[in-house]
Amino acid sequence: MYKILKKEVLNPTVTKMVIDAPHVAKRAKAGQFIILRVHDEGERIPLTIADSDPDSGEVTIIFQIVGKTTMLLNELEEDASLADFVGPLGQPSEIEGEKVCVIGGGVGCAIAYPTAKAFAKAGSDVTTISGFRNKDLVILEDEFKAVSDAYYLMSDDGSAGEKGLVTQKLEELIQSGEKFDKVIAIGPVIMMKFVCEVTKKYGIPTIVSMNPIMIDGTGMCGGCRLKVGDEIKFACVDGPDFDGHAVDFDGAMSRNRAYGDFERHERDAACRLLKKEVQ
């Protein structure tokens, strides 16, 4: 069993947990993920490792409360335990580049942060751009500032940082003369698609982190397949990082929508269960 050591509400829909998982913490690298089960009969869900400490054995996860399992996970408090916490899985991010731009969108910032931190530790010049709908959804602002040479906070409505999209700030920086060796974009698929459209115009290599539907995390089920160039890749074993200019984003978005009705049914069932327990 994997004990929850700390729990923190980052915003109304996003929660941070620190888990006691020494074997994961010793091997975890930026970009990798875990698969957990809340209880013995629960479904398996992937969550990116937001941080880890090999000395203390602690692993940090940050998740958005969007479906049945994340709702049930969010009901757990400190000192409760998870049934499974398997990892690290996936390929670590390649930390190469003298000057890089890391872009995070929404809860994707939980994945972008360890990447920015790893680049900073490697001595790279790190520019970070994070984007949110509004100020109430902002997470990890101080953490990003601590590992970035330059940090830009964007919000759709202008209530936090600058008003605008992360793509607007990226293009503004490029046009002002910034020379990035690499851009790393992590967040909603549609955001990563438009970031790649910007960087392709300027010939800047771009890496995206793909997190499609996963089941076993070992490449056996094929649920996380996506098209990259002329090849079919599996995000759980070949990724989650891929060449953004080669990813079929439209296909990925179509596959992500395929289970929408099922997910809504399971979420509604979880809501009824939790409501019944409260009563």
Protein backbone atom coordinates (compact mmCIF):
# COMPACT_ATOMS: atom_id res chain seq x y z
CA MET A 1 0.00 0.00 0.00
CA TYR A 2 1.16 3.52 -0.81
CA LYS A 3 0.46 6.10 1.88
CA ILE A 4 -0.64 9.65 1.08
CA LEU A 5 1.81 11.80 3.06
CA LYS A 6 0.50 15.22 2.05
CA LYS A 7 -2.55 16.60 0.29
CA GLU A 8 -2.95 20.15 -0.98
CA VAL A 9 -5.75 21.79 -2.95
CA LEU A 10 -4.11 23.89 -5.67
CA ASN A 11 -7.35 25.23 -7.12
CA PRO A 12 -11.02 24.13 -7.14
CA THR A 13 -10.35 21.37 -9.70
CA VAL A 14 -6.70 20.44 -9.14
CA THR A 15 -5.16 18.58 -6.20
CA LYS A 16 -1.56 17.81 -5.26
CA MET A 17 -0.59 14.68 -3.36
CA VAL A 18 2.75 13.43 -2.05
CA ILE A 19 2.94 9.63 -1.99
CA ASP A 20 5.33 7.37 -0.10
CA ALA A 21 6.78 5.30 -2.97
CA PRO A 22 10.55 4.80 -2.51
CA HIS A 23 11.07 2.41 -5.42
CA VAL A 24 9.47 4.90 -7.83
CA ALA A 25 11.26 7.92 -6.36
CA LYS A 26 14.70 6.31 -6.79
CA ARG A 27 14.27 5.86 -10.55
CA ALA A 28 11.92 8.64 -11.64
CA LYS A 29 13.04 11.15 -14.27
CA ALA A 30 11.35 14.15 -15.87
CA GLY A 31 8.64 13.17 -18.32
CA GLN A 32 7.85 9.78 -16.83
CA PHE A 33 4.54 8.73 -15.30
CA ILE A 34 2.92 6.27 -12.92
CA ILE A 35 -0.27 4.24 -13.09
CA LEU A 36 -2.34 4.01 -9.94
CA ARG A 37 -5.45 2.34 -8.58
CA VAL A 38 -7.37 3.93 -5.73
CA HIS A 39 -8.64 0.55 -4.50
CA ASP A 40 -8.39 -3.11 -5.47
CA GLU A 41 -11.40 -3.01 -7.80
CA GLY A 42 -10.65 0.41 -9.28
CA GLU A 43 -9.58 1.33 -12.79
CA ARG A 44 -5.96 2.10 -13.67
CA ILE A 45 -5.17 5.71 -14.56
CA PRO A 46 -1.88 7.31 -15.63
CA LEU A 47 -0.56 10.44 -13.91
CA THR A 48 2.70 12.20 -14.67
CA ILE A 49 5.29 12.41 -11.91
CA ALA A 50 5.28 16.08 -10.95
CA ASP A 51 8.29 15.76 -8.62
CA SER A 52 10.26 13.12 -6.73
CA ASP A 53 12.83 12.88 -3.95
CA PRO A 54 15.00 9.74 -4.00
CA ASP A 55 16.28 10.45 -0.51
CA SER A 56 12.90 10.69 1.20
CA GLY A 57 11.16 8.25 -1.15
CA GLU A 58 8.42 10.77 -1.89
CA VAL A 59 6.68 11.12 -5.26
CA THR A 60 4.42 14.07 -6.07
CA ILE A 61 1.39 13.78 -8.33
CA ILE A 62 -0.94 16.58 -9.43
CA PHE A 63 -4.29 15.70 -10.93
CA GLN A 64 -7.41 17.37 -12.25
CA ILE A 65 -10.73 16.16 -10.86
CA VAL A 66 -12.47 15.26 -14.12
CA GLY A 67 -13.67 11.64 -13.93
CA LYS A 68 -14.71 8.83 -11.64
CA THR A 69 -11.25 7.77 -10.47
CA THR A 70 -9.89 11.28 -9.90
CA MET A 71 -13.07 12.07 -7.93
CA LEU A 72 -12.53 9.01 -5.74
CA LEU A 73 -8.82 9.80 -5.40
CA ASN A 74 -9.63 13.32 -4.30
CA GLU A 75 -11.85 11.96 -1.51
CA LEU A 76 -8.82 10.37 0.16
CA GLU A 77 -7.04 12.30 2.88
CA GLU A 78 -3.55 12.20 4.37
CA ASP A 79 -2.56 8.82 5.88
CA ALA A 80 -4.93 6.94 3.57
CA SER A 81 -3.30 4.52 1.12
CA LEU A 82 -3.55 3.68 -2.58
CA ALA A 83 -3.86 0.10 -3.75
CA ASP A 84 -1.32 0.43 -6.58
CA PHE A 85 1.29 2.98 -7.60
CA VAL A 86 3.33 1.54 -10.47
CA GLY A 87 6.27 3.21 -12.18
CA PRO A 88 8.21 4.99 -13.35
CA LEU A 89 6.81 4.26 -16.81
CA GLY A 90 7.51 5.75 -20.24
CA GLN A 91 10.66 7.26 -21.65
CA PRO A 92 12.35 10.13 -19.77
CA SER A 93 12.45 13.52 -21.46
CA GLU A 94 15.63 14.33 -23.38
CA ILE A 95 17.19 17.22 -21.49
CA GLU A 96 19.25 18.76 -24.28
CA GLY A 97 19.49 22.37 -25.42
CA GLU A 98 21.31 25.50 -24.27
CA LYS A 99 18.25 27.74 -24.54
CA VAL A 100 14.78 26.21 -24.32
CA CYS A 101 11.20 27.36 -23.96
CA VAL A 102 8.87 25.22 -21.85
CA ILE A 103 5.16 25.86 -22.33
CA GLY A 104 2.47 24.53 -20.01
CA GLY A 105 -1.28 24.83 -20.39
CA GLY A 106 -3.69 24.34 -17.49
CA VAL A 107 -3.07 21.18 -15.48
CA GLY A 108 -0.40 20.33 -18.08
CA CYS A 109 1.79 22.69 -16.06
CA ALA A 110 2.15 19.84 -13.56
CA ILE A 111 4.02 17.96 -16.31
CA ALA A 112 5.85 21.02 -17.60
CA TYR A 113 7.29 21.88 -14.19
CA PRO A 114 9.57 18.82 -13.72
CA THR A 115 10.75 19.29 -17.31
CA ALA A 116 11.64 22.94 -16.71
CA LYS A 117 13.31 21.95 -13.43
CA ALA A 118 15.41 19.27 -15.17
CA PHE A 119 16.58 21.71 -17.86
CA ALA A 120 17.51 24.26 -15.18
CA LYS A 121 19.46 21.62 -13.26
CA ALA A 122 21.32 20.74 -16.48
CA GLY A 123 22.40 24.37 -16.87
CA SER A 124 20.09 25.36 -19.72
CA ASP A 125 18.67 28.87 -20.11
CA VAL A 126 14.96 28.22 -19.44
CA THR A 127 12.07 30.40 -20.53
CA THR A 128 8.70 29.21 -19.26
CA ILE A 129 5.25 30.25 -20.44
CA SER A 130 2.21 28.98 -18.53
CA GLY A 131 -1.37 29.58 -19.55
CA PHE A 132 -4.72 29.35 -17.72
CA ARG A 133 -8.30 30.43 -18.30
CA ASN A 134 -8.28 32.73 -15.25
CA LYS A 135 -6.49 33.55 -12.00
CA ASP A 136 -8.45 31.00 -9.97
CA LEU A 137 -6.91 28.14 -11.97
CA VAL A 138 -3.24 29.20 -11.73
CA ILE A 139 -0.90 26.57 -10.27
CA LEU A 140 2.86 26.31 -9.64
CA GLU A 141 3.62 29.96 -10.35
CA ASP A 142 6.30 30.22 -7.64
CA GLU A 143 7.79 26.85 -8.59
CA PHE A 144 8.17 27.90 -12.23
CA LYS A 145 9.76 31.21 -11.24
CA ALA A 146 12.32 29.34 -9.13
CA VAL A 147 13.59 27.24 -12.07
CA SER A 148 13.17 29.71 -14.96
CA ASP A 149 15.44 32.45 -16.26
CA ALA A 150 12.33 34.11 -17.64
CA TYR A 151 8.72 33.33 -16.71
CA TYR A 152 5.52 34.52 -18.39
CA LEU A 153 2.05 33.92 -17.00
CA MET A 154 -0.84 34.17 -19.45
CA SER A 155 -4.60 34.07 -18.85
CA ASP A 156 -7.49 34.10 -21.27
CA ASP A 157 -9.29 36.91 -19.45
CA GLY A 158 -6.28 38.88 -18.23
CA SER A 159 -7.04 38.25 -14.55
CA ALA A 160 -3.56 36.77 -14.01
CA GLY A 161 -0.33 37.83 -15.69
CA GLU A 162 -0.86 39.01 -19.26
CA LYS A 163 -4.05 38.62 -21.25
CA GLY A 164 -3.66 36.27 -24.19
CA LEU A 165 -2.68 32.79 -25.28
CA VAL A 166 0.64 31.02 -24.77
CA THR A 167 1.07 30.92 -28.56
CA GLN A 168 0.84 34.71 -28.73
CA LYS A 169 3.57 35.13 -26.13
CA LEU A 170 5.76 32.51 -27.83
CA GLU A 171 5.51 34.23 -31.20
CA GLU A 172 6.11 37.61 -29.58
CA LEU A 173 9.34 36.32 -28.01
CA ILE A 174 10.53 34.75 -31.26
CA GLN A 175 9.82 37.92 -33.24
CA SER A 176 11.65 39.99 -30.63
CA GLY A 177 14.81 38.01 -31.31
CA GLU A 178 14.76 35.11 -28.86
CA LYS A 179 16.57 32.09 -30.31
CA PHE A 180 15.31 28.85 -28.83
CA ASP A 181 17.11 25.57 -29.51
CA LYS A 182 13.94 23.69 -28.58
CA VAL A 183 10.36 24.27 -27.48
CA ILE A 184 8.59 21.80 -25.18
CA ALA A 185 4.79 22.10 -25.11
CA ILE A 186 2.64 20.26 -22.57
CA GLY A 187 -1.08 20.69 -22.07
CA PRO A 188 -4.36 20.32 -23.95
CA VAL A 189 -3.91 18.66 -27.34
CA ILE A 190 -5.36 21.66 -29.16
CA MET A 191 -2.86 23.96 -27.42
CA MET A 192 0.08 21.75 -28.37
CA LYS A 193 -1.17 21.64 -31.97
CA PHE A 194 -1.18 25.44 -32.26
CA VAL A 195 2.19 25.79 -30.52
CA CYS A 196 3.61 23.43 -33.17
CA GLU A 197 2.06 25.51 -35.94
CA VAL A 198 3.93 28.54 -34.60
CA THR A 199 7.29 26.81 -34.18
CA LYS A 200 7.07 25.10 -37.57
CA LYS A 201 7.02 28.52 -39.25
CA TYR A 202 10.32 29.36 -37.59
CA GLY A 203 11.95 25.94 -37.89
CA ILE A 204 12.22 25.39 -34.13
CA PRO A 205 12.31 21.72 -32.99
CA THR A 206 9.30 21.07 -30.77
CA ILE A 207 8.54 18.26 -28.34
CA VAL A 208 5.03 17.52 -27.10
CA SER A 209 3.90 15.25 -24.27
CA MET A 210 1.01 13.01 -25.35
CA ASN A 211 -1.26 11.51 -22.73
CA PRO A 212 -3.97 9.58 -24.58
CA ILE A 213 -6.13 6.84 -23.07
CA MET A 214 -3.96 4.21 -21.37
CA ILE A 215 -4.84 0.90 -19.75
CA ASP A 216 -1.85 -1.31 -18.96
CA GLY A 217 1.06 1.09 -19.54
CA THR A 218 3.19 -1.62 -21.16
CA GLY A 219 2.23 -1.36 -24.84
CA MET A 220 0.13 -4.54 -24.77
CA CYS A 221 -3.39 -3.10 -25.04
CA GLY A 222 -2.76 -0.58 -27.81
CA GLY A 223 -5.18 1.91 -26.28
CA CYS A 224 -2.66 4.75 -26.33
CA ARG A 225 -1.65 4.42 -29.97
CA LEU A 226 -1.19 7.52 -32.06
CA LYS A 227 0.22 8.37 -35.46
CA VAL A 228 3.59 10.09 -35.59
CA GLY A 229 4.72 10.71 -39.16
CA ASP A 230 4.15 7.47 -41.05
CA GLU A 231 4.39 5.30 -37.94
CA ILE A 232 2.03 4.11 -35.24
CA LYS A 233 3.50 4.74 -31.80
CA PHE A 234 2.38 3.82 -28.29
CA ALA A 235 2.53 6.71 -25.85
CA CYS A 236 3.12 4.46 -22.83
CA VAL A 237 6.33 2.86 -24.09
CA ASP A 238 7.52 5.03 -27.00
CA GLY A 239 6.60 8.31 -25.31
CA PRO A 240 5.05 10.25 -23.83
CA ASP A 241 7.35 12.76 -25.61
CA PHE A 242 7.18 12.99 -29.41
CA ASP A 243 8.23 15.27 -32.26
CA GLY A 244 5.36 17.74 -32.31
CA HIS A 245 5.77 18.50 -35.99
CA ALA A 246 5.08 14.84 -36.83
CA VAL A 247 2.15 14.10 -34.49
CA ASP A 248 -1.32 13.64 -36.00
CA PHE A 249 -3.12 15.91 -33.54
CA ASP A 250 -6.51 15.67 -35.24
CA GLY A 251 -6.41 11.88 -34.99
CA ALA A 252 -5.37 12.09 -31.34
CA MET A 253 -8.23 14.44 -30.51
CA SER A 254 -10.70 12.18 -32.28
CA ARG A 255 -9.55 9.14 -30.26
CA ASN A 256 -9.73 11.12 -27.00
CA ARG A 257 -13.38 11.91 -27.72
CA ALA A 258 -14.29 8.27 -28.42
CA TYR A 259 -14.96 7.39 -24.79
CA GLY A 260 -16.73 10.63 -23.85
CA ASP A 261 -20.15 9.07 -23.21
CA PHE A 262 -18.67 6.25 -21.12
CA GLU A 263 -16.61 8.69 -19.06
CA ARG A 264 -19.66 10.88 -18.38
CA HIS A 265 -21.65 7.80 -17.28
CA GLU A 266 -18.89 6.72 -14.88
CA ARG A 267 -18.48 10.24 -13.52
CA ASP A 268 -22.22 10.54 -12.86
CA ALA A 269 -22.16 7.16 -11.10
CA ALA A 270 -19.28 8.32 -8.90
CA CYS A 271 -21.17 11.51 -8.04
CA ARG A 272 -24.20 9.51 -6.95
CA LEU A 273 -22.02 7.18 -4.88
CA LEU A 274 -20.23 10.01 -3.10
CA LYS A 275 -23.49 11.83 -2.48
CA LYS A 276 -24.99 8.67 -0.97
CA GLU A 277 -21.97 8.23 1.32
CA VAL A 278 -22.31 11.80 2.58
CA GLN A 279 -25.99 11.26 3.35
